[in-house]
Protein backbone atom coordinates (compact mmCIF):
# COMPACT_ATOMS: atom_id res chain seq x y z
CA MET A 1 -91.59 49.57 24.49
CA LEU A 2 -92.59 47.81 27.51
CA ASN A 3 -96.11 47.40 27.12
CA ASP A 4 -95.31 45.44 23.92
CA LEU A 5 -92.90 42.99 25.61
CA VAL A 6 -95.44 42.20 28.32
CA ALA A 7 -98.27 41.68 25.29
CA HIS A 8 -95.83 39.22 23.61
CA VAL A 9 -94.29 37.06 26.78
CA ALA A 10 -98.24 36.87 27.77
CA ALA A 11 -99.53 35.51 24.18
CA GLY A 12 -96.34 33.36 24.30
CA THR A 13 -96.86 32.05 27.42
CA MET A 14 -100.65 31.29 27.15
CA GLY A 15 -99.97 29.29 23.90
CA ALA A 16 -97.43 27.33 25.17
CA ILE A 17 -99.35 26.39 28.38
CA SER A 18 -102.37 25.37 25.90
CA ALA A 19 -100.14 23.23 23.99
CA SER A 20 -98.25 21.50 27.18
CA GLY A 21 -102.23 21.00 28.66
CA SER A 22 -103.57 19.64 25.34
CA ALA A 23 -100.26 17.25 24.84
CA GLY A 24 -101.12 15.98 28.37
CA ASP A 25 -104.47 15.44 27.59
CA LEU A 26 -103.66 13.11 24.67
CA LEU A 27 -100.17 11.55 26.22
CA GLY A 28 -101.46 11.14 29.55
CA PRO A 29 -102.40 7.69 29.89
CA SER A 30 -99.28 6.65 27.70
CA TRP A 31 -96.99 8.53 29.97
CA GLU A 32 -96.37 6.01 32.57
CA SER A 33 -96.89 2.63 30.29
CA ASP A 34 -95.05 3.28 27.43
CA PRO A 35 -91.01 3.93 28.32
CA ARG A 36 -90.06 4.88 24.73
CA LEU A 37 -92.42 8.43 24.96
CA ARG A 38 -90.41 9.31 28.30
CA THR A 39 -87.25 8.98 26.71
CA ILE A 40 -88.14 10.65 23.60
CA LEU A 41 -89.46 13.60 25.75
CA HIS A 42 -86.67 13.74 28.19
CA ARG A 43 -84.32 14.11 24.72
CA LEU A 44 -86.40 16.36 23.53
CA ASP A 45 -85.68 18.32 26.99
CA LEU A 46 -82.40 18.07 26.20
CA VAL A 47 -82.54 19.61 22.83
CA VAL A 48 -84.69 22.44 23.89
CA ALA A 49 -81.75 23.15 26.55
CA HIS A 50 -79.24 22.89 24.44
CA VAL A 51 -80.58 25.07 21.64
CA VAL A 52 -81.95 27.69 24.78
CA VAL A 53 -78.20 28.09 26.00
CA VAL A 54 -76.77 28.74 22.03
CA ILE A 55 -78.98 31.04 21.54
CA ARG A 56 -78.62 33.21 25.16
CA GLY A 57 -74.80 32.61 24.00
CA LEU A 58 -74.74 34.59 21.22
CA LEU A 59 -77.07 37.10 22.83
CA VAL A 60 -74.41 37.86 24.95
CA LEU A 61 -71.68 37.68 22.18
CA GLY A 62 -73.52 39.91 20.23
CA GLN A 63 -73.64 42.51 23.40
CA VAL A 64 -69.95 42.28 23.79
CA ARG A 65 -69.27 43.11 20.80
CA GLY A 66 -71.69 46.15 20.72
CA ARG A 67 -70.19 47.73 23.42
CA ARG A 68 -66.27 47.44 22.17
CA ARG A 69 -67.34 48.86 19.15
CA ALA A 70 -69.02 52.02 20.83
């Protein structure tokens, strides 16, 4: 079970790093010169952070409810 988790985390990490590197290559010259791009990416960061917090909260809530039922 732990080996499966490690394999999935490694695969996801490699995919995220590859996507990030490719995006950096494509957007590199525009990053400093286009203020709209920076604004869009910062807003995207906020959306992703909120989604992560909500999902984590739901997971914790599920654990708490599961312990109360047991």
